[in-house]
């Protein structure tokens, strides 16, 4: 079917070209009869042959230009592919450098992974990563960014993928403290509101814009950045302050590491 269509297209193109050449010859002949009526038949024949040769020259030139354009498109495609490969290698190199630095700081084994799906619904905040049982991932391992920011913990493991409960999920909790301070409590996820910093008494010292990090008192390594204090509600009639925290990183499709 495809070969038949090509044959029809070539046949139609040949007819169109023949008609154009014929029209050009007729028009040229008419012009010469009007403005040069005494021209000989030999000269007219020479002009017709010349015009025909000129038309075929145009066709050949068009074909050459088409071939050159195709070669140019191939060259551009190859260059774009090369640039994409170079960029991918540079990104991979940056990821490896950050992972090595994080591994040295935490003194723990790390597994590089990638987020390929995120669900931020009213029933919970989760992400899927492309590493699972075959890679040694287990439930309750922590997922962090390459900069050491806490993203969540592994809640379910499959053969080649895993589900991460994000730190904004209501079921997530971790012991935390103020960076460069003594105030400590427990972080709980609060969905779209970020997180709540609970068990902070009215006398505890804490301010907006304070950075909150993990304490290491539970199974989570110490020193992972959790977020920044957004709002503090002081009420002297209550034992504890109401503190809202923004997560330090918004997880997106990209690279993370799993702490093992």
Foldseek 3Di string as FASTA:
>chain_A
DVVVVVVVVVVVVVVVLVVVLVVVLVVVVVVCCVVPVPDDPVVSVVVSVVSVVVSVVVVVVVVVVVVVVVVVVVVVVVVVVVVVVVVVVVVVVVLVVLQVVVCVVQVFDKAKWWWDDWDQDPQATKTKIQAFVVNPDDFQWWKFASNQAGFFTFHAGDHGMTMGGGQQTQVDKAKKAFVVADFIAMWGHPRPQAIKGPPGFLPGDDDFQTWMWGCCPDVDGTDRTFFTWHDWADDPVDGHITTGTHGPDDDDTTMIMTTD
